[in-house]
Amino acid sequence: MVDLKDEVLTQLEKHEETMRLDEFVRRVEIYHRDDGPGVERELLDAYAEAVYFEVDTAAIDDRLTDSDSWESGEHLYELADGRISDYPPDWHERLGDGADVRDVVEVLQNEVEEAEGDQREAVTDERGVPRPKVAWVGEAVAGIDPETTRDRLAELEENDEIETFASQNRDPTVRLT
């Protein structure tokens, strides 16, 4: 029997109308942190059964890759012991607990070439990385809470280590200088 957390269910149900499969996996990965990176398939299935909207967990197999590094496209990654993550194993190794927000920006800026999901998530050479993407990776992979990410990005900007680009979207992008 898998123990589900109310906080995870709340987070999932808050975003149920627009949630894609990768977001479902990411939210479970963030809010149900347990032993090691990623989440067990059994846990994803249990949350999918518990929420009141439909989650096609069978589609996980179609999107699952055993690649160790980032691949463009909407992939999910198979980690050690059959765990599943929205992010590749080498990010978990390099950005595991203890990484800095600057490291997260650097990895995203250097490895992600195209948008995942929609254009607001695009990483570009000219404008850098969307702040929400930094927060998601920081929280899911490195265990950095969103407030710490926000504060650290402000500090990096103040120290001229990153540039911030305003946009019509409410979330600006950042790029290492």
Foldseek 3Di string as FASTA:
>chain_A
DDDDDPVLLVVCQVCVVPDDQQNNQLSCLQPVPDPAAAAALVVSVVSQVVHPDHDDSVCLVVQEDQDQADDPDQHWYQDPPRGIHSHHNVLLVVQAAPHDLVVLQVCCQPGDQAAYPDRLQGADPVFGGWLVSSQSSCRNRHVQHSVRNVVVVVVCVVVQQKDWDDDPDPTIHIHGD
